[in-house]
Amino acid sequence: MPCLFIAIALITPRLLMAYLWFFTHWFYGVFDTVMWPILGFIFAPTSLLWYTVVHNAWNGEWGTLQIVGMVIAVVIDLSPGSGKRKRKKD
């Protein structure tokens, strides 16, 4: 059961990106090449989503709120097994 929750947590940002890519113009004009969205889809989906939010909602202007949001997104992407819990040794 915990593996199912981890799988859903890892798949959800990617499903959202696929939906936005195919059904909206959310990623249009954000990146110059196709390489960055592909790398973001594979390695850092939450950071890629936040970057596009900043680009679309705040016209690419980075302030304190946007930087804090990006730091949180990077921490989420880099966290080793965010659903993993430490077991106590008996």
PDB file of N, CA and C in Angstrom:
ATOM      1  N   MET A   1       0.800  -1.195   0.000  1.00  0.00           N
ATOM      2  CA  MET A   1       0.000   0.000   0.000  1.00  0.00           C
ATOM      3  C   MET A   1       0.853   1.274   0.000  1.00  0.00           C
ATOM      4  N   PRO A   2       1.931   1.374   0.815  1.00  0.00           N
ATOM      5  CA  PRO A   2       2.764   2.577   0.751  1.00  0.00           C
ATOM      6  C   PRO A   2       3.392   2.775  -0.634  1.00  0.00           C
ATOM      7  N   CYS A   3       3.716   1.697  -1.318  1.00  0.00           N
ATOM      8  CA  CYS A   3       4.290   1.833  -2.657  1.00  0.00           C
ATOM      9  C   CYS A   3       3.285   2.454  -3.614  1.00  0.00           C
ATOM     10  N   LEU A   4       2.010   2.154  -3.436  1.00  0.00           N
ATOM     11  CA  LEU A   4       0.969   2.742  -4.267  1.00  0.00           C
ATOM     12  C   LEU A   4       0.905   4.250  -4.051  1.00  0.00           C
ATOM     13  N   PHE A   5       0.987   4.692  -2.804  1.00  0.00           N
ATOM     14  CA  PHE A   5       0.968   6.129  -2.513  1.00  0.00           C
ATOM     15  C   PHE A   5       2.188   6.832  -3.099  1.00  0.00           C
ATOM     16  N   ILE A   6       3.329   6.205  -3.028  1.00  0.00           N
ATOM     17  CA  ILE A   6       4.549   6.787  -3.604  1.00  0.00           C
ATOM     18  C   ILE A   6       4.412   6.888  -5.116  1.00  0.00           C
ATOM     19  N   ALA A   7       3.881   5.853  -5.739  1.00  0.00           N
ATOM     20  CA  ALA A   7       3.699   5.865  -7.191  1.00  0.00           C
ATOM     21  C   ALA A   7       2.737   6.974  -7.613  1.00  0.00           C
ATOM     22  N   ILE A   8       1.646   7.140  -6.887  1.00  0.00           N
ATOM     23  CA  ILE A   8       0.681   8.192  -7.217  1.00  0.00           C
ATOM     24  C   ILE A   8       1.316   9.572  -7.025  1.00  0.00           C
ATOM     25  N   ALA A   9       2.082   9.741  -5.957  1.00  0.00           N
ATOM     26  CA  ALA A   9       2.733  11.029  -5.707  1.00  0.00           C
ATOM     27  C   ALA A   9       3.746  11.366  -6.795  1.00  0.00           C
ATOM     28  N   LEU A  10       4.430  10.364  -7.327  1.00  0.00           N
ATOM     29  CA  LEU A  10       5.417  10.607  -8.373  1.00  0.00           C
ATOM     30  C   LEU A  10       4.768  10.815  -9.734  1.00  0.00           C
ATOM     31  N   ILE A  11       3.618  10.216  -9.957  1.00  0.00           N
ATOM     32  CA  ILE A  11       2.959  10.301 -11.252  1.00  0.00           C
ATOM     33  C   ILE A  11       2.116  11.568 -11.380  1.00  0.00           C
ATOM     34  N   THR A  12       1.563  12.064 -10.299  1.00  0.00           N
ATOM     35  CA  THR A  12       0.621  13.174 -10.357  1.00  0.00           C
ATOM     36  C   THR A  12       1.175  14.431 -11.038  1.00  0.00           C
ATOM     37  N   PRO A  13       2.371  14.928 -10.697  1.00  0.00           N
ATOM     38  CA  PRO A  13       2.853  16.124 -11.412  1.00  0.00           C
ATOM     39  C   PRO A  13       3.050  15.854 -12.899  1.00  0.00           C
ATOM     40  N   ARG A  14       3.439  14.660 -13.237  1.00  0.00           N
ATOM     41  CA  ARG A  14       3.644  14.325 -14.642  1.00  0.00           C
ATOM     42  C   ARG A  14       2.311  14.247 -15.393  1.00  0.00           C
ATOM     43  N   LEU A  15       1.277  13.739 -14.744  1.00  0.00           N
ATOM     44  CA  LEU A  15      -0.042  13.722 -15.371  1.00  0.00           C
ATOM     45  C   LEU A  15      -0.555  15.134 -15.601  1.00  0.00           C
ATOM     46  N   LEU A  16      -0.339  16.000 -14.625  1.00  0.00           N
ATOM     47  CA  LEU A  16      -0.752  17.390 -14.775  1.00  0.00           C
ATOM     48  C   LEU A  16       0.000  18.058 -15.922  1.00  0.00           C
ATOM     49  N   MET A  17       1.295  17.803 -16.040  1.00  0.00           N
ATOM     50  CA  MET A  17       2.069  18.383 -17.132  1.00  0.00           C
ATOM     51  C   MET A  17       1.591  17.861 -18.478  1.00  0.00           C
ATOM     52  N   ALA A  18       1.295  16.562 -18.571  1.00  0.00           N
ATOM     53  CA  ALA A  18       0.793  16.007 -19.827  1.00  0.00           C
ATOM     54  C   ALA A  18      -0.540  16.645 -20.206  1.00  0.00           C
ATOM     55  N   TYR A  19      -1.421  16.817 -19.215  1.00  0.00           N
ATOM     56  CA  TYR A  19      -2.706  17.468 -19.476  1.00  0.00           C
ATOM     57  C   TYR A  19      -2.495  18.902 -19.979  1.00  0.00           C
ATOM     58  N   LEU A  20      -1.647  19.656 -19.290  1.00  0.00           N
ATOM     59  CA  LEU A  20      -1.395  21.037 -19.693  1.00  0.00           C
ATOM     60  C   LEU A  20      -0.749  21.117 -21.068  1.00  0.00           C
ATOM     61  N   TRP A  21       0.124  20.180 -21.381  1.00  0.00           N
ATOM     62  CA  TRP A  21       0.827  20.186 -22.659  1.00  0.00           C
ATOM     63  C   TRP A  21      -0.138  19.919 -23.818  1.00  0.00           C
ATOM     64  N   PHE A  22      -1.037  18.937 -23.629  1.00  0.00           N
ATOM     65  CA  PHE A  22      -1.914  18.540 -24.731  1.00  0.00           C
ATOM     66  C   PHE A  22      -3.186  19.378 -24.850  1.00  0.00           C
ATOM     67  N   PHE A  23      -3.700  19.920 -23.763  1.00  0.00           N
ATOM     68  CA  PHE A  23      -5.002  20.568 -23.808  1.00  0.00           C
ATOM     69  C   PHE A  23      -4.985  22.079 -23.572  1.00  0.00           C
ATOM     70  N   THR A  24      -3.825  22.672 -23.277  1.00  0.00           N
ATOM     71  CA  THR A  24      -3.749  24.116 -23.080  1.00  0.00           C
ATOM     72  C   THR A  24      -2.504  24.663 -23.775  1.00  0.00           C
ATOM     73  N   HIS A  25      -2.338  25.944 -23.717  1.00  0.00           N
ATOM     74  CA  HIS A  25      -1.131  26.599 -24.249  1.00  0.00           C
ATOM     75  C   HIS A  25      -0.234  27.053 -23.104  1.00  0.00           C
ATOM     76  N   TRP A  26      -0.252  26.321 -22.012  1.00  0.00           N
ATOM     77  CA  TRP A  26       0.467  26.696 -20.793  1.00  0.00           C
ATOM     78  C   TRP A  26       1.974  26.757 -21.020  1.00  0.00           C
ATOM     79  N   PHE A  27       2.525  25.822 -21.803  1.00  0.00           N
ATOM     80  CA  PHE A  27       3.969  25.765 -22.025  1.00  0.00           C
ATOM     81  C   PHE A  27       4.403  26.541 -23.269  1.00  0.00           C
ATOM     82  N   TYR A  28       3.469  27.107 -23.994  1.00  0.00           N
ATOM     83  CA  TYR A  28       3.798  27.823 -25.231  1.00  0.00           C
ATOM     84  C   TYR A  28       4.581  29.092 -24.925  1.00  0.00           C
ATOM     85  N   GLY A  29       5.746  29.214 -25.495  1.00  0.00           N
ATOM     86  CA  GLY A  29       6.562  30.409 -25.331  1.00  0.00           C
ATOM     87  C   GLY A  29       7.371  30.469 -24.050  1.00  0.00           C
ATOM     88  N   VAL A  30       7.310  29.429 -23.225  1.00  0.00           N
ATOM     89  CA  VAL A  30       8.063  29.436 -21.966  1.00  0.00           C
ATOM     90  C   VAL A  30       9.512  29.040 -22.209  1.00  0.00           C
ATOM     91  N   PHE A  31       9.726  28.054 -23.057  1.00  0.00           N
ATOM     92  CA  PHE A  31      11.066  27.528 -23.297  1.00  0.00           C
ATOM     93  C   PHE A  31      11.443  27.703 -24.761  1.00  0.00           C
ATOM     94  N   ASP A  32      12.753  27.905 -25.009  1.00  0.00           N
ATOM     95  CA  ASP A  32      13.236  28.066 -26.381  1.00  0.00           C
ATOM     96  C   ASP A  32      13.387  26.723 -27.087  1.00  0.00           C
ATOM     97  N   THR A  33      13.735  25.698 -26.328  1.00  0.00           N
ATOM     98  CA  THR A  33      13.934  24.371 -26.910  1.00  0.00           C
ATOM     99  C   THR A  33      12.994  23.374 -26.241  1.00  0.00           C
ATOM    100  N   VAL A  34      12.905  22.200 -26.824  1.00  0.00           N
ATOM    101  CA  VAL A  34      12.064  21.133 -26.270  1.00  0.00           C
ATOM    102  C   VAL A  34      12.834  20.343 -25.214  1.00  0.00           C
ATOM    103  N   MET A  35      14.147  20.515 -25.169  1.00  0.00           N
ATOM    104  CA  MET A  35      14.979  19.744 -24.244  1.00  0.00           C
ATOM    105  C   MET A  35      14.625  20.017 -22.780  1.00  0.00           C
ATOM    106  N   TRP A  36      14.428  21.290 -22.391  1.00  0.00           N
ATOM    107  CA  TRP A  36      14.161  21.616 -20.986  1.00  0.00           C
ATOM    108  C   TRP A  36      12.851  21.038 -20.481  1.00  0.00           C
ATOM    109  N   PRO A  37      11.752  21.111 -21.232  1.00  0.00           N
ATOM    110  CA  PRO A  37      10.532  20.467 -20.725  1.00  0.00           C
ATOM    111  C   PRO A  37      10.663  18.955 -20.599  1.00  0.00           C
ATOM    112  N   ILE A  38      11.397  18.332 -21.498  1.00  0.00           N
ATOM    113  CA  ILE A  38      11.578  16.878 -21.404  1.00  0.00           C
ATOM    114  C   ILE A  38      12.413  16.521 -20.182  1.00  0.00           C
ATOM    115  N   LEU A  39      13.510  17.233 -19.968  1.00  0.00           N
ATOM    116  CA  LEU A  39      14.336  16.982 -18.779  1.00  0.00           C
ATOM    117  C   LEU A  39      13.569  17.286 -17.497  1.00  0.00           C
ATOM    118  N   GLY A  40      12.785  18.348 -17.508  1.00  0.00           N
ATOM    119  CA  GLY A  40      11.970  18.674 -16.340  1.00  0.00           C
ATOM    120  C   GLY A  40      10.908  17.624 -16.079  1.00  0.00           C
ATOM    121  N   PHE A  41      10.320  17.087 -17.127  1.00  0.00           N
ATOM    122  CA  PHE A  41       9.317  16.029 -16.987  1.00  0.00           C
ATOM    123  C   PHE A  41       9.919  14.795 -16.333  1.00  0.00           C
ATOM    124  N   ILE A  42      11.145  14.473 -16.696  1.00  0.00           N
ATOM    125  CA  ILE A  42      11.791  13.267 -16.172  1.00  0.00           C
ATOM    126  C   ILE A  42      12.362  13.487 -14.777  1.00  0.00           C
ATOM    127  N   PHE A  43      13.106  14.579 -14.561  1.00  0.00           N
ATOM    128  CA  PHE A  43      13.879  14.738 -13.340  1.00  0.00           C
ATOM    129  C   PHE A  43      13.286  15.699 -12.307  1.00  0.00           C
ATOM    130  N   ALA A  44      12.596  16.755 -12.730  1.00  0.00           N
ATOM    131  CA  ALA A  44      12.125  17.771 -11.784  1.00  0.00           C
ATOM    132  C   ALA A  44      10.745  18.302 -12.185  1.00  0.00           C
ATOM    133  N   PRO A  45       9.719  17.478 -12.083  1.00  0.00           N
ATOM    134  CA  PRO A  45       8.400  17.917 -12.553  1.00  0.00           C
ATOM    135  C   PRO A  45       7.798  19.050 -11.731  1.00  0.00           C
ATOM    136  N   THR A  46       7.967  19.039 -10.426  1.00  0.00           N
ATOM    137  CA  THR A  46       7.388  20.090  -9.594  1.00  0.00           C
ATOM    138  C   THR A  46       8.069  21.430  -9.862  1.00  0.00           C
ATOM    139  N   SER A  47       9.372  21.419 -10.029  1.00  0.00           N
ATOM    140  CA  SER A  47      10.103  22.654 -10.344  1.00  0.00           C
ATOM    141  C   SER A  47       9.704  23.191 -11.711  1.00  0.00           C
ATOM    142  N   LEU A  48       9.536  22.320 -12.674  1.00  0.00           N
ATOM    143  CA  LEU A  48       9.115  22.745 -14.005  1.00  0.00           C
ATOM    144  C   LEU A  48       7.721  23.365 -13.962  1.00  0.00           C
ATOM    145  N   LEU A  49       6.816  22.760 -13.209  1.00  0.00           N
ATOM    146  CA  LEU A  49       5.476  23.327 -13.081  1.00  0.00           C
ATOM    147  C   LEU A  49       5.520  24.704 -12.427  1.00  0.00           C
ATOM    148  N   TRP A  50       6.323  24.857 -11.371  1.00  0.00           N
ATOM    149  CA  TRP A  50       6.399  26.156 -10.706  1.00  0.00           C
ATOM    150  C   TRP A  50       7.022  27.200 -11.624  1.00  0.00           C
ATOM    151  N   TYR A  51       8.022  26.817 -12.401  1.00  0.00           N
ATOM    152  CA  TYR A  51       8.646  27.748 -13.341  1.00  0.00           C
ATOM    153  C   TYR A  51       7.624  28.242 -14.357  1.00  0.00           C
ATOM    154  N   THR A  52       6.776  27.361 -14.859  1.00  0.00           N
ATOM    155  CA  THR A  52       5.760  27.777 -15.816  1.00  0.00           C
ATOM    156  C   THR A  52       4.677  28.631 -15.152  1.00  0.00           C
ATOM    157  N   VAL A  53       4.386  28.355 -13.880  1.00  0.00           N
ATOM    158  CA  VAL A  53       3.428  29.209 -13.158  1.00  0.00           C
ATOM    159  C   VAL A  53       3.974  30.621 -13.047  1.00  0.00           C
ATOM    160  N   VAL A  54       5.240  30.759 -12.695  1.00  0.00           N
ATOM    161  CA  VAL A  54       5.849  32.090 -12.589  1.00  0.00           C
ATOM    162  C   VAL A  54       5.838  32.778 -13.949  1.00  0.00           C
ATOM    163  N   HIS A  55       6.121  32.023 -14.983  1.00  0.00           N
ATOM    164  CA  HIS A  55       6.147  32.616 -16.326  1.00  0.00           C
ATOM    165  C   HIS A  55       4.759  33.067 -16.764  1.00  0.00           C
ATOM    166  N   ASN A  56       3.739  32.276 -16.475  1.00  0.00           N
ATOM    167  CA  ASN A  56       2.392  32.600 -16.936  1.00  0.00           C
ATOM    168  C   ASN A  56       1.639  33.548 -15.999  1.00  0.00           C
ATOM    169  N   ALA A  57       1.761  33.370 -14.703  1.00  0.00           N
ATOM    170  CA  ALA A  57       0.981  34.175 -13.764  1.00  0.00           C
ATOM    171  C   ALA A  57       1.634  35.522 -13.449  1.00  0.00           C
ATOM    172  N   TRP A  58       2.951  35.549 -13.367  1.00  0.00           N
ATOM    173  CA  TRP A  58       3.655  36.776 -13.002  1.00  0.00           C
ATOM    174  C   TRP A  58       4.523  37.309 -14.143  1.00  0.00           C
ATOM    175  N   ASN A  59       4.271  36.855 -15.348  1.00  0.00           N
ATOM    176  CA  ASN A  59       5.006  37.308 -16.540  1.00  0.00           C
ATOM    177  C   ASN A  59       6.514  37.144 -16.409  1.00  0.00           C
ATOM    178  N   GLY A  60       6.941  36.114 -15.715  1.00  0.00           N
ATOM    179  CA  GLY A  60       8.358  35.820 -15.589  1.00  0.00           C
ATOM    180  C   GLY A  60       9.109  36.680 -14.606  1.00  0.00           C
ATOM    181  N   GLU A  61       8.425  37.470 -13.810  1.00  0.00           N
ATOM    182  CA  GLU A  61       9.094  38.326 -12.822  1.00  0.00           C
ATOM    183  C   GLU A  61       9.302  37.547 -11.526  1.00  0.00           C
ATOM    184  N   TRP A  62      10.555  37.465 -11.090  1.00  0.00           N
ATOM    185  CA  TRP A  62      10.913  36.691  -9.905  1.00  0.00           C
ATOM    186  C   TRP A  62      11.054  37.611  -8.707  1.00  0.00           C
ATOM    187  N   GLY A  63      10.184  37.409  -7.723  1.00  0.00           N
ATOM    188  CA  GLY A  63      10.249  38.141  -6.467  1.00  0.00           C
ATOM    189  C   GLY A  63      10.481  37.149  -5.331  1.00  0.00           C
ATOM    190  N   THR A  64      10.263  37.591  -4.128  1.00  0.00           N
ATOM    191  CA  THR A  64      10.494  36.740  -2.962  1.00  0.00           C
ATOM    192  C   THR A  64       9.570  35.531  -2.951  1.00  0.00           C
ATOM    193  N   LEU A  65       8.284  35.748  -3.218  1.00  0.00           N
ATOM    194  CA  LEU A  65       7.319  34.645  -3.232  1.00  0.00           C
ATOM    195  C   LEU A  65       7.674  33.602  -4.279  1.00  0.00           C
ATOM    196  N   GLN A  66       8.072  34.053  -5.442  1.00  0.00           N
ATOM    197  CA  GLN A  66       8.406  33.130  -6.521  1.00  0.00           C
ATOM    198  C   GLN A  66       9.662  32.324  -6.196  1.00  0.00           C
ATOM    199  N   ILE A  67      10.641  32.961  -5.591  1.00  0.00           N
ATOM    200  CA  ILE A  67      11.879  32.260  -5.236  1.00  0.00           C
ATOM    201  C   ILE A  67      11.620  31.256  -4.121  1.00  0.00           C
ATOM    202  N   VAL A  68      10.820  31.637  -3.136  1.00  0.00           N
ATOM    203  CA  VAL A  68      10.475  30.689  -2.061  1.00  0.00           C
ATOM    204  C   VAL A  68       9.718  29.498  -2.631  1.00  0.00           C
ATOM    205  N   GLY A  69       8.801  29.752  -3.545  1.00  0.00           N
ATOM    206  CA  GLY A  69       8.078  28.660  -4.200  1.00  0.00           C
ATOM    207  C   GLY A  69       9.002  27.744  -4.974  1.00  0.00           C
ATOM    208  N   MET A  70       9.996  28.310  -5.652  1.00  0.00           N
ATOM    209  CA  MET A  70      10.941  27.481  -6.399  1.00  0.00           C
ATOM    210  C   MET A  70      11.807  26.656  -5.465  1.00  0.00           C
ATOM    211  N   VAL A  71      12.221  27.238  -4.345  1.00  0.00           N
ATOM    212  CA  VAL A  71      13.018  26.482  -3.367  1.00  0.00           C
ATOM    213  C   VAL A  71      12.203  25.298  -2.838  1.00  0.00           C
ATOM    214  N   ILE A  72      10.933  25.528  -2.533  1.00  0.00           N
ATOM    215  CA  ILE A  72      10.075  24.440  -2.059  1.00  0.00           C
ATOM    216  C   ILE A  72       9.913  23.375  -3.136  1.00  0.00           C
ATOM    217  N   ALA A  73       9.727  23.797  -4.387  1.00  0.00           N
ATOM    218  CA  ALA A  73       9.586  22.836  -5.489  1.00  0.00           C
ATOM    219  C   ALA A  73      10.852  22.010  -5.676  1.00  0.00           C
ATOM    220  N   VAL A  74      12.008  22.651  -5.585  1.00  0.00           N
ATOM    221  CA  VAL A  74      13.274  21.915  -5.727  1.00  0.00           C
ATOM    222  C   VAL A  74      13.452  20.929  -4.576  1.00  0.00           C
ATOM    223  N   VAL A  75      13.101  21.331  -3.368  1.00  0.00           N
ATOM    224  CA  VAL A  75      13.201  20.425  -2.221  1.00  0.00           C
ATOM    225  C   VAL A  75      12.280  19.221  -2.417  1.00  0.00           C
ATOM    226  N   ILE A  76      11.084  19.455  -2.927  1.00  0.00           N
ATOM    227  CA  ILE A  76      10.170  18.344  -3.197  1.00  0.00           C
ATOM    228  C   ILE A  76      10.765  17.415  -4.240  1.00  0.00           C
ATOM    229  N   ASP A  77      11.355  17.986  -5.296  1.00  0.00           N
ATOM    230  CA  ASP A  77      11.944  17.151  -6.348  1.00  0.00           C
ATOM    231  C   ASP A  77      13.170  16.386  -5.880  1.00  0.00           C
ATOM    232  N   LEU A  78      13.955  16.979  -4.999  1.00  0.00           N
ATOM    233  CA  LEU A  78      15.203  16.347  -4.570  1.00  0.00           C
ATOM    234  C   LEU A  78      15.070  15.486  -3.324  1.00  0.00           C
ATOM    235  N   SER A  79      13.918  15.524  -2.673  1.00  0.00           N
ATOM    236  CA  SER A  79      13.765  14.759  -1.434  1.00  0.00           C
ATOM    237  C   SER A  79      13.859  13.268  -1.730  1.00  0.00           C
ATOM    238  N   PRO A  80      14.705  12.566  -1.016  1.00  0.00           N
ATOM    239  CA  PRO A  80      14.899  11.136  -1.273  1.00  0.00           C
ATOM    240  C   PRO A  80      13.763  10.320  -0.659  1.00  0.00           C
ATOM    241  N   GLY A  81      12.806   9.959  -1.449  1.00  0.00           N
ATOM    242  CA  GLY A  81      11.704   9.156  -0.939  1.00  0.00           C
ATOM    243  C   GLY A  81      10.841   9.942   0.017  1.00  0.00           C
ATOM    244  N   SER A  82      10.134  10.937  -0.506  1.00  0.00           N
ATOM    245  CA  SER A  82       9.361  11.812   0.366  1.00  0.00           C
ATOM    246  C   SER A  82       8.316  11.057   1.182  1.00  0.00           C
ATOM    247  N   GLY A  83       7.899   9.904   0.732  1.00  0.00           N
ATOM    248  CA  GLY A  83       6.919   9.137   1.484  1.00  0.00           C
ATOM    249  C   GLY A  83       7.548   8.111   2.404  1.00  0.00           C
ATOM    250  N   LYS A  84       8.852   8.060   2.418  1.00  0.00           N
ATOM    251  CA  LYS A  84       9.564   7.069   3.220  1.00  0.00           C
ATOM    252  C   LYS A  84       9.606   7.479   4.682  1.00  0.00           C
ATOM    253  N   ARG A  85       9.441   6.527   5.567  1.00  0.00           N
ATOM    254  CA  ARG A  85       9.525   6.814   7.001  1.00  0.00           C
ATOM    255  C   ARG A  85      10.670   6.011   7.604  1.00  0.00           C
ATOM    256  N   LYS A  86      11.256   6.602   8.624  1.00  0.00           N
ATOM    257  CA  LYS A  86      12.322   5.886   9.333  1.00  0.00           C
ATOM    258  C   LYS A  86      11.689   4.887  10.283  1.00  0.00           C
ATOM    259  N   ARG A  87      12.258   3.726  10.335  1.00  0.00           N
ATOM    260  CA  ARG A  87      11.753   2.704  11.254  1.00  0.00           C
ATOM    261  C   ARG A  87      12.585   2.707  12.511  1.00  0.00           C
ATOM    262  N   LYS A  88      11.896   2.537  13.605  1.00  0.00           N
ATOM    263  CA  LYS A  88      12.601   2.429  14.872  1.00  0.00           C
ATOM    264  C   LYS A  88      13.117   1.015  15.037  1.00  0.00           C
ATOM    265  N   LYS A  89      14.327   0.918  15.525  1.00  0.00           N
ATOM    266  CA  LYS A  89      14.897  -0.389  15.790  1.00  0.00           C
ATOM    267  C   LYS A  89      14.477  -0.810  17.191  1.00  0.00           C
ATOM    268  N   ASP A  90      13.923  -1.993  17.279  1.00  0.00           N
ATOM    269  CA  ASP A  90      13.470  -2.497  18.589  1.00  0.00           C
ATOM    270  C   ASP A  90      14.565  -3.223  19.308  1.00  0.00           C
TER     271      ASP A  90
END
